[in-house]
Amino acid sequence: MSTSDAKDLTTLANELQSYIQGGKADSFIYYLYGLVLSKKDMIPEALDMLVKSIHLNGYLWCAWQTLSDCIHSPTQLEAILPQINESFVKNLFLVNLSTELHFSMNMSVLDTIQSMTAWFPNCTYLDGLAGISYYNTRGNFIFPFNFHSLY
């Protein structure tokens, strides 16, 4: 990152922090502040702001995606999960993150995907995640799914 980029990020971070300290922050301000902090490699602080954003608006997918970008190990994920309320968006995030980062796949991830397909029976995105998850288990689990629907 160039010096001018770092200076711009610092200026933006200070401005967003003033909104938060002034009590004027909403989920989008927390998200933007978390994004700026992540760009400044201030990951623990970014995680805090992103979790606050998600608490205020659990459907703000960009906050979930940035949170995903900040998580690099199962240990980080395990530390954050208790802070986030249960929802189908959280389940989608977990399945997506587990699939992207090839975290240890187990039956619970596959069970989560299967339960979500009950809510979204024709969702090819979930079907694709199921296929990737099943592949990542190297066939250790039997997942009753017809992958021909993806073609």
C-alpha atoms as a PDB file:
ATOM      1  CA  MET A   1       0.000   0.000   0.000  1.00  0.00           C
ATOM      2  CA  SER A   2       1.378   3.410  -0.895  1.00  0.00           C
ATOM      3  CA  THR A   3       1.952   6.142   1.649  1.00  0.00           C
ATOM      4  CA  SER A   4      -0.889   8.234   0.248  1.00  0.00           C
ATOM      5  CA  ASP A   5      -3.262   5.232   0.416  1.00  0.00           C
ATOM      6  CA  ALA A   6      -2.300   4.635   4.045  1.00  0.00           C
ATOM      7  CA  LYS A   7      -2.879   8.310   4.825  1.00  0.00           C
ATOM      8  CA  ASP A   8      -6.284   8.238   3.116  1.00  0.00           C
ATOM      9  CA  LEU A   9      -7.282   5.113   5.056  1.00  0.00           C
ATOM     10  CA  THR A  10      -6.204   6.736   8.317  1.00  0.00           C
ATOM     11  CA  THR A  11      -8.230   9.855   7.536  1.00  0.00           C
ATOM     12  CA  LEU A  12     -11.266   7.762   6.638  1.00  0.00           C
ATOM     13  CA  ALA A  13     -10.839   5.600   9.751  1.00  0.00           C
ATOM     14  CA  ASN A  14     -10.727   8.712  11.952  1.00  0.00           C
ATOM     15  CA  GLU A  15     -13.871  10.107  10.363  1.00  0.00           C
ATOM     16  CA  LEU A  16     -15.769   6.829  10.737  1.00  0.00           C
ATOM     17  CA  GLN A  17     -14.583   6.500  14.330  1.00  0.00           C
ATOM     18  CA  SER A  18     -15.975   9.955  15.102  1.00  0.00           C
ATOM     19  CA  TYR A  19     -19.407   8.824  13.837  1.00  0.00           C
ATOM     20  CA  ILE A  20     -19.234   5.780  16.094  1.00  0.00           C
ATOM     21  CA  GLN A  21     -18.109   7.755  19.137  1.00  0.00           C
ATOM     22  CA  GLY A  22     -20.814  10.326  18.463  1.00  0.00           C
ATOM     23  CA  GLY A  23     -23.502   7.651  18.527  1.00  0.00           C
ATOM     24  CA  LYS A  24     -24.405   8.244  14.866  1.00  0.00           C
ATOM     25  CA  ALA A  25     -23.289   4.846  13.586  1.00  0.00           C
ATOM     26  CA  ASP A  26     -25.537   2.341  11.878  1.00  0.00           C
ATOM     27  CA  SER A  27     -24.684  -1.063  10.443  1.00  0.00           C
ATOM     28  CA  PHE A  28     -23.195   0.504   7.317  1.00  0.00           C
ATOM     29  CA  ILE A  29     -20.827   2.771   9.274  1.00  0.00           C
ATOM     30  CA  TYR A  30     -19.645  -0.201  11.353  1.00  0.00           C
ATOM     31  CA  TYR A  31     -19.190  -2.195   8.146  1.00  0.00           C
ATOM     32  CA  LEU A  32     -17.192   0.565   6.454  1.00  0.00           C
ATOM     33  CA  TYR A  33     -15.057   1.057   9.546  1.00  0.00           C
ATOM     34  CA  GLY A  34     -14.415  -2.696   9.707  1.00  0.00           C
ATOM     35  CA  LEU A  35     -13.496  -2.692   6.020  1.00  0.00           C
ATOM     36  CA  VAL A  36     -11.040   0.194   6.484  1.00  0.00           C
ATOM     37  CA  LEU A  37      -9.517  -1.480   9.543  1.00  0.00           C
ATOM     38  CA  SER A  38      -9.097  -4.718   7.603  1.00  0.00           C
ATOM     39  CA  LYS A  39      -7.298  -2.829   4.820  1.00  0.00           C
ATOM     40  CA  LYS A  40      -5.002  -1.385   7.496  1.00  0.00           C
ATOM     41  CA  ASP A  41      -4.295  -4.960   8.733  1.00  0.00           C
ATOM     42  CA  MET A  42      -5.955  -4.222  12.060  1.00  0.00           C
ATOM     43  CA  ILE A  43      -7.780  -7.553  11.951  1.00  0.00           C
ATOM     44  CA  PRO A  44      -8.929  -7.908  15.605  1.00  0.00           C
ATOM     45  CA  GLU A  45     -10.444  -4.418  15.537  1.00  0.00           C
ATOM     46  CA  ALA A  46     -11.964  -5.068  12.106  1.00  0.00           C
ATOM     47  CA  LEU A  47     -13.572  -8.272  13.380  1.00  0.00           C
ATOM     48  CA  ASP A  48     -15.171  -6.349  16.270  1.00  0.00           C
ATOM     49  CA  MET A  49     -16.658  -3.719  13.953  1.00  0.00           C
ATOM     50  CA  LEU A  50     -17.914  -6.292  11.461  1.00  0.00           C
ATOM     51  CA  VAL A  51     -19.616  -8.300  14.209  1.00  0.00           C
ATOM     52  CA  LYS A  52     -21.292  -5.084  15.437  1.00  0.00           C
ATOM     53  CA  SER A  53     -22.458  -4.379  11.898  1.00  0.00           C
ATOM     54  CA  ILE A  54     -23.923  -7.872  11.614  1.00  0.00           C
ATOM     55  CA  HIS A  55     -25.672  -7.488  14.979  1.00  0.00           C
ATOM     56  CA  LEU A  56     -27.403  -4.362  13.670  1.00  0.00           C
ATOM     57  CA  ASN A  57     -28.210  -5.797  10.246  1.00  0.00           C
ATOM     58  CA  GLY A  58     -27.870  -9.538   9.915  1.00  0.00           C
ATOM     59  CA  TYR A  59     -28.695  -9.377   6.206  1.00  0.00           C
ATOM     60  CA  LEU A  60     -25.804  -7.080   5.253  1.00  0.00           C
ATOM     61  CA  TRP A  61     -23.978  -9.661   3.160  1.00  0.00           C
ATOM     62  CA  CYS A  62     -21.014  -7.375   2.411  1.00  0.00           C
ATOM     63  CA  ALA A  63     -20.233  -7.349   6.151  1.00  0.00           C
ATOM     64  CA  TRP A  64     -20.347 -11.143   6.176  1.00  0.00           C
ATOM     65  CA  GLN A  65     -18.029 -11.270   3.154  1.00  0.00           C
ATOM     66  CA  THR A  66     -15.520  -8.893   4.727  1.00  0.00           C
ATOM     67  CA  LEU A  67     -15.710 -10.910   7.931  1.00  0.00           C
ATOM     68  CA  SER A  68     -14.911 -13.968   5.839  1.00  0.00           C
ATOM     69  CA  ASP A  69     -11.890 -12.196   4.345  1.00  0.00           C
ATOM     70  CA  CYS A  70     -10.565 -11.528   7.874  1.00  0.00           C
ATOM     71  CA  ILE A  71     -10.850 -15.127   9.055  1.00  0.00           C
ATOM     72  CA  HIS A  72      -7.904 -17.330   8.179  1.00  0.00           C
ATOM     73  CA  SER A  73      -8.150 -20.206  10.614  1.00  0.00           C
ATOM     74  CA  PRO A  74     -10.756 -22.362  12.308  1.00  0.00           C
ATOM     75  CA  THR A  75      -9.598 -20.926  15.655  1.00  0.00           C
ATOM     76  CA  GLN A  76     -10.523 -17.389  14.569  1.00  0.00           C
ATOM     77  CA  LEU A  77     -13.887 -18.649  13.363  1.00  0.00           C
ATOM     78  CA  GLU A  78     -14.580 -20.473  16.631  1.00  0.00           C
ATOM     79  CA  ALA A  79     -13.805 -17.289  18.595  1.00  0.00           C
ATOM     80  CA  ILE A  80     -16.270 -15.234  16.567  1.00  0.00           C
ATOM     81  CA  LEU A  81     -19.197 -17.646  16.240  1.00  0.00           C
ATOM     82  CA  PRO A  82     -20.573 -17.240  19.788  1.00  0.00           C
ATOM     83  CA  GLN A  83     -20.807 -13.476  19.205  1.00  0.00           C
ATOM     84  CA  ILE A  84     -23.168 -13.845  16.241  1.00  0.00           C
ATOM     85  CA  ASN A  85     -26.873 -14.639  16.589  1.00  0.00           C
ATOM     86  CA  GLU A  86     -28.221 -17.766  14.952  1.00  0.00           C
ATOM     87  CA  SER A  87     -29.859 -17.221  11.573  1.00  0.00           C
ATOM     88  CA  PHE A  88     -30.003 -18.793   8.157  1.00  0.00           C
ATOM     89  CA  VAL A  89     -27.576 -16.071   6.984  1.00  0.00           C
ATOM     90  CA  LYS A  90     -25.075 -17.225   9.609  1.00  0.00           C
ATOM     91  CA  ASN A  91     -25.522 -20.793   8.386  1.00  0.00           C
ATOM     92  CA  LEU A  92     -24.954 -19.697   4.790  1.00  0.00           C
ATOM     93  CA  PHE A  93     -21.842 -17.786   5.901  1.00  0.00           C
ATOM     94  CA  LEU A  94     -20.481 -20.834   7.752  1.00  0.00           C
ATOM     95  CA  VAL A  95     -21.047 -23.167   4.845  1.00  0.00           C
ATOM     96  CA  ASN A  96     -19.579 -20.680   2.388  1.00  0.00           C
ATOM     97  CA  LEU A  97     -16.518 -20.006   4.562  1.00  0.00           C
ATOM     98  CA  SER A  98     -15.935 -23.690   5.289  1.00  0.00           C
ATOM     99  CA  THR A  99     -16.117 -24.444   1.587  1.00  0.00           C
ATOM    100  CA  GLU A 100     -13.870 -21.555   0.511  1.00  0.00           C
ATOM    101  CA  LEU A 101     -11.171 -22.141   3.089  1.00  0.00           C
ATOM    102  CA  HIS A 102     -11.414 -25.939   3.085  1.00  0.00           C
ATOM    103  CA  PHE A 103     -11.866 -26.011   6.844  1.00  0.00           C
ATOM    104  CA  SER A 104     -12.321 -29.504   8.136  1.00  0.00           C
ATOM    105  CA  MET A 105     -15.498 -30.719   6.571  1.00  0.00           C
ATOM    106  CA  ASN A 106     -17.690 -32.763   8.805  1.00  0.00           C
ATOM    107  CA  MET A 107     -21.219 -34.008   8.879  1.00  0.00           C
ATOM    108  CA  SER A 108     -22.516 -30.832  10.541  1.00  0.00           C
ATOM    109  CA  VAL A 109     -21.614 -28.719   7.493  1.00  0.00           C
ATOM    110  CA  LEU A 110     -23.331 -31.198   5.218  1.00  0.00           C
ATOM    111  CA  ASP A 111     -26.332 -31.318   7.584  1.00  0.00           C
ATOM    112  CA  THR A 112     -26.522 -27.515   7.519  1.00  0.00           C
ATOM    113  CA  ILE A 113     -26.534 -27.492   3.734  1.00  0.00           C
ATOM    114  CA  GLN A 114     -29.223 -30.144   3.648  1.00  0.00           C
ATOM    115  CA  SER A 115     -31.406 -28.228   6.116  1.00  0.00           C
ATOM    116  CA  MET A 116     -30.990 -25.036   4.084  1.00  0.00           C
ATOM    117  CA  THR A 117     -32.086 -26.790   0.898  1.00  0.00           C
ATOM    118  CA  ALA A 118     -35.423 -27.347   2.637  1.00  0.00           C
ATOM    119  CA  TRP A 119     -35.823 -23.534   2.750  1.00  0.00           C
ATOM    120  CA  PHE A 120     -34.426 -23.003  -0.742  1.00  0.00           C
ATOM    121  CA  PRO A 121     -35.224 -26.215  -2.655  1.00  0.00           C
ATOM    122  CA  ASN A 122     -34.209 -24.936  -6.107  1.00  0.00           C
ATOM    123  CA  CYS A 123     -31.078 -23.010  -5.101  1.00  0.00           C
ATOM    124  CA  THR A 124     -28.245 -24.108  -7.367  1.00  0.00           C
ATOM    125  CA  TYR A 125     -25.768 -22.152  -5.215  1.00  0.00           C
ATOM    126  CA  LEU A 126     -26.533 -24.431  -2.255  1.00  0.00           C
ATOM    127  CA  ASP A 127     -26.427 -27.432  -4.560  1.00  0.00           C
ATOM    128  CA  GLY A 128     -22.962 -26.379  -5.678  1.00  0.00           C
ATOM    129  CA  LEU A 129     -21.800 -25.878  -2.087  1.00  0.00           C
ATOM    130  CA  ALA A 130     -23.116 -29.348  -1.261  1.00  0.00           C
ATOM    131  CA  GLY A 131     -21.104 -30.802  -4.126  1.00  0.00           C
ATOM    132  CA  ILE A 132     -17.934 -28.992  -3.086  1.00  0.00           C
ATOM    133  CA  SER A 133     -18.419 -29.964   0.551  1.00  0.00           C
ATOM    134  CA  TYR A 134     -19.027 -33.575  -0.347  1.00  0.00           C
ATOM    135  CA  TYR A 135     -15.940 -33.570  -2.561  1.00  0.00           C
ATOM    136  CA  ASN A 136     -13.861 -32.025   0.240  1.00  0.00           C
ATOM    137  CA  THR A 137     -14.832 -34.866   2.577  1.00  0.00           C
ATOM    138  CA  ARG A 138     -13.232 -37.164   0.008  1.00  0.00           C
ATOM    139  CA  GLY A 139     -16.333 -39.312   0.067  1.00  0.00           C
ATOM    140  CA  ASN A 140     -16.091 -40.138   3.760  1.00  0.00           C
ATOM    141  CA  PHE A 141     -19.747 -39.286   4.253  1.00  0.00           C
ATOM    142  CA  ILE A 142     -22.764 -40.261   2.253  1.00  0.00           C
ATOM    143  CA  PHE A 143     -24.699 -37.186   1.197  1.00  0.00           C
ATOM    144  CA  PRO A 144     -28.011 -38.011  -0.429  1.00  0.00           C
ATOM    145  CA  PHE A 145     -28.116 -35.544  -3.273  1.00  0.00           C
ATOM    146  CA  ASN A 146     -28.693 -35.705  -6.984  1.00  0.00           C
ATOM    147  CA  PHE A 147     -25.964 -33.560  -8.569  1.00  0.00           C
ATOM    148  CA  HIS A 148     -27.467 -33.970 -12.018  1.00  0.00           C
ATOM    149  CA  SER A 149     -29.728 -31.018 -11.223  1.00  0.00           C
ATOM    150  CA  LEU A 150     -26.694 -28.736 -11.567  1.00  0.00           C
ATOM    151  CA  TYR A 151     -26.291 -29.537 -15.260  1.00  0.00           C
END
